[in-house]
């Protein structure tokens, strides 16, 4: 699970409130939107971290950006900003996503490749992960990292499998330097 202890605490509190009011699925969608938006926007991350920008301005900007979200999610934004923790909002969203998936029994497989996964390869990876984990509910997150050159890295919970070309080249380099 990603994020600080504070982010996890906020996420647990929102998840408990959302479960009590049967809004966990709606808040889950909001958290996915918040996480992806913050992750994909460097200027937004800088604004959230900036000590120069006032909390009220951060709150106003966030509520405008995420105007269509559930009331619980708006409440989270208000509390996080009021407590001067706006910089952890992305981590809170990611922690909520992870906690919600755990509660629903959904396994998330993070596949890192040098190029985007094709639909055919994605279905093969999905079936292999289902076989390895024994879970029927698996989602795949594909991350692109050209530095691995080729192959893939797979992470499901605590399990990690590295079949990248960069890893294999590193192993060869270590073996080569040992034999000299």
Protein backbone atom coordinates (compact mmCIF):
# COMPACT_ATOMS: atom_id res chain seq x y z
CA UNK A 1 0.00 0.00 0.00
CA UNK A 2 1.30 3.41 -0.90
CA UNK A 3 1.27 6.58 1.10
CA UNK A 4 2.03 7.81 4.55
CA UNK A 5 0.31 6.69 7.72
CA UNK A 6 -1.72 9.89 7.62
CA UNK A 7 -2.92 9.13 4.08
CA UNK A 8 -3.95 5.62 5.12
CA UNK A 9 -5.83 6.98 8.14
CA UNK A 10 -7.75 9.48 6.02
CA UNK A 11 -8.53 6.75 3.49
CA UNK A 12 -9.79 4.37 6.19
CA UNK A 13 -11.99 7.07 7.68
CA UNK A 14 -13.55 7.92 4.31
CA UNK A 15 -14.00 4.23 3.48
CA UNK A 16 -15.76 3.59 6.81
CA UNK A 17 -18.06 6.58 6.27
CA UNK A 18 -18.77 5.56 2.67
CA UNK A 19 -19.55 1.97 3.75
CA UNK A 20 -21.94 3.21 6.46
CA UNK A 21 -23.88 5.27 3.90
CA UNK A 22 -23.61 2.71 1.06
CA UNK A 23 -21.60 5.13 -1.08
CA UNK A 24 -18.30 3.22 -1.25
CA UNK A 25 -18.63 2.48 -4.98
CA UNK A 26 -19.30 6.14 -5.83
CA UNK A 27 -16.43 7.33 -3.62
CA UNK A 28 -14.23 4.65 -5.21
CA UNK A 29 -14.88 6.22 -8.62
CA UNK A 30 -14.11 9.66 -7.21
CA UNK A 31 -10.84 8.44 -5.70
CA UNK A 32 -9.80 6.90 -9.01
CA UNK A 33 -10.47 10.25 -10.71
CA UNK A 34 -8.61 12.20 -8.03
CA UNK A 35 -5.64 9.82 -8.07
CA UNK A 36 -5.30 9.79 -11.87
CA UNK A 37 -5.73 13.57 -12.12
CA UNK A 38 -3.10 14.33 -9.49
CA UNK A 39 -0.74 11.65 -10.81
CA UNK A 40 -1.02 12.99 -14.35
CA UNK A 41 -0.71 16.71 -13.61
CA UNK A 42 2.62 18.02 -12.38
CA UNK A 43 1.30 21.58 -11.92
CA UNK A 44 -1.48 20.31 -9.65
CA UNK A 45 1.01 18.33 -7.55
CA UNK A 46 3.20 21.42 -7.22
CA UNK A 47 0.22 23.56 -6.23
CA UNK A 48 -0.80 21.07 -3.55
CA UNK A 49 2.73 21.02 -2.11
CA UNK A 50 3.29 24.77 -2.28
CA UNK A 51 3.47 26.51 1.12
CA UNK A 52 2.92 29.86 -0.63
CA UNK A 53 -0.58 29.11 -1.92
CA UNK A 54 -3.25 29.61 0.74
CA UNK A 55 -5.34 26.67 1.87
CA UNK A 56 -8.58 28.37 0.80
CA UNK A 57 -7.20 28.82 -2.72
CA UNK A 58 -6.17 25.16 -2.85
CA UNK A 59 -9.61 24.09 -1.61
CA UNK A 60 -11.38 26.30 -4.15
CA UNK A 61 -9.24 24.98 -7.00
CA UNK A 62 -9.72 21.33 -5.99
CA UNK A 63 -13.48 21.69 -5.59
CA UNK A 64 -13.69 23.28 -9.06
CA UNK A 65 -11.49 20.61 -10.64
CA UNK A 66 -13.49 17.82 -8.99
CA UNK A 67 -16.91 19.49 -9.09
CA UNK A 68 -18.87 16.35 -9.97
CA UNK A 69 -17.74 14.20 -7.05
CA UNK A 70 -19.70 12.69 -4.15
CA UNK A 71 -20.23 14.73 -0.94
CA UNK A 72 -17.97 12.38 1.07
CA UNK A 73 -15.15 13.05 -1.38
CA UNK A 74 -15.74 16.81 -1.15
CA UNK A 75 -15.66 16.48 2.63
CA UNK A 76 -12.32 14.70 2.37
CA UNK A 77 -10.90 17.54 0.28
CA UNK A 78 -12.16 20.08 2.84
CA UNK A 79 -10.70 18.21 5.81
CA UNK A 80 -7.35 17.47 4.16
CA UNK A 81 -6.88 21.10 3.12
CA UNK A 82 -8.10 22.46 6.48
CA UNK A 83 -5.57 20.23 8.24
CA UNK A 84 -2.82 21.53 5.92
CA UNK A 85 -2.35 18.09 4.35
CA UNK A 86 -3.34 18.90 0.77
CA UNK A 87 -0.06 17.43 -0.43
CA UNK A 88 -1.21 13.91 0.62
CA UNK A 89 -4.52 13.97 -1.27
CA UNK A 90 -3.18 11.78 -4.08
CA UNK A 91 -1.80 9.28 -1.55
CA UNK A 92 -5.15 9.26 0.28
CA UNK A 93 -6.94 8.51 -2.98
CA UNK A 94 -4.51 5.70 -3.81
CA UNK A 95 -4.82 4.26 -0.30
CA UNK A 96 -8.61 4.35 -0.56
CA UNK A 97 -8.46 2.50 -3.90
CA UNK A 98 -6.23 -0.18 -2.38
CA UNK A 99 -8.36 -0.54 0.77
CA UNK A 100 -11.57 -0.74 -1.29
CA UNK A 101 -10.07 -3.36 -3.61
CA UNK A 102 -8.89 -5.42 -0.62
CA UNK A 103 -12.35 -5.26 0.96
CA UNK A 104 -13.95 -6.39 -2.31
CA UNK A 105 -11.40 -9.19 -2.83
CA UNK A 106 -10.04 -7.62 -6.00
CA UNK A 107 -6.37 -8.24 -6.76
CA UNK A 108 -4.49 -5.55 -8.69
CA UNK A 109 -1.69 -6.69 -10.97
CA UNK A 110 0.78 -3.96 -11.86
CA UNK A 111 2.49 -4.80 -15.13
CA UNK A 112 5.41 -2.61 -16.19
CA UNK A 113 6.37 -2.88 -19.85
CA UNK A 114 8.49 -0.91 -22.31
CA UNK A 115 5.51 -0.53 -24.65
CA UNK A 116 1.73 -0.59 -23.98
CA UNK A 117 0.18 -4.05 -23.57
CA UNK A 118 -1.84 -5.33 -26.50
CA UNK A 119 -5.32 -6.63 -25.68
CA UNK A 120 -4.20 -10.19 -26.51
CA UNK A 121 -1.19 -9.99 -24.18
CA UNK A 122 -3.28 -8.31 -21.49
CA UNK A 123 -5.75 -11.22 -21.52
CA UNK A 124 -2.87 -13.72 -21.24
CA UNK A 125 -1.40 -11.83 -18.28
CA UNK A 126 -4.84 -11.61 -16.70
CA UNK A 127 -5.40 -15.37 -16.94
CA UNK A 128 -1.91 -16.11 -15.57
CA UNK A 129 -2.45 -13.77 -12.60
CA UNK A 130 -5.83 -15.39 -11.88
CA UNK A 131 -4.09 -18.78 -11.94
CA UNK A 132 -1.28 -17.60 -9.62
CA UNK A 133 -3.48 -15.80 -7.09
CA UNK A 134 -6.52 -18.05 -7.20
CA UNK A 135 -8.69 -14.93 -7.40
CA UNK A 136 -11.34 -14.45 -10.05
CA UNK A 137 -11.37 -10.69 -9.56
CA UNK A 138 -8.17 -9.27 -10.99
CA UNK A 139 -7.53 -5.92 -12.61
CA UNK A 140 -4.43 -4.94 -14.53
CA UNK A 141 -2.62 -1.63 -14.31
CA UNK A 142 -0.15 -1.20 -17.15
CA UNK A 143 2.72 1.19 -16.54
CA UNK A 144 5.10 2.14 -19.33
CA UNK A 145 8.81 2.35 -18.47
CA UNK A 146 11.14 2.39 -21.46
CA UNK A 147 14.19 1.88 -19.23
CA UNK A 148 13.36 -1.83 -18.84
CA UNK A 149 14.16 -2.14 -22.59
CA UNK A 150 11.84 -5.12 -23.11
CA UNK A 151 10.07 -7.91 -21.29
CA UNK A 152 7.93 -7.04 -18.28
CA UNK A 153 7.78 -6.68 -14.51
CA UNK A 154 4.71 -8.04 -12.72
CA UNK A 155 3.67 -7.16 -9.18
CA UNK A 156 0.62 -8.59 -7.42
CA UNK A 157 0.52 -7.68 -3.74
CA UNK A 158 3.79 -8.93 -2.27
CA UNK A 159 4.62 -11.15 -5.25
CA UNK A 160 7.00 -9.71 -7.82
CA UNK A 161 8.34 -11.23 -11.01
CA UNK A 162 10.96 -9.39 -13.04
CA UNK A 163 11.38 -10.65 -16.61
CA UNK A 164 12.75 -7.41 -18.01
CA UNK A 165 15.67 -7.24 -20.40
CA UNK A 166 17.32 -4.61 -18.17
CA UNK A 167 17.19 -7.05 -15.22
CA UNK A 168 18.67 -9.86 -17.31
CA UNK A 169 21.46 -7.59 -18.58
CA UNK A 170 22.18 -6.53 -14.99
CA UNK A 171 22.44 -10.18 -13.94
CA UNK A 172 24.83 -10.92 -16.78
CA UNK A 173 26.92 -7.88 -15.85
CA UNK A 174 27.15 -9.04 -12.20
CA UNK A 175 28.13 -12.57 -13.23
CA UNK A 176 30.70 -11.18 -15.64
CA UNK A 177 32.27 -8.92 -13.00
CA UNK A 178 32.42 -11.82 -10.48
CA UNK A 179 34.40 -13.99 -12.91
CA UNK A 180 37.07 -11.35 -13.55
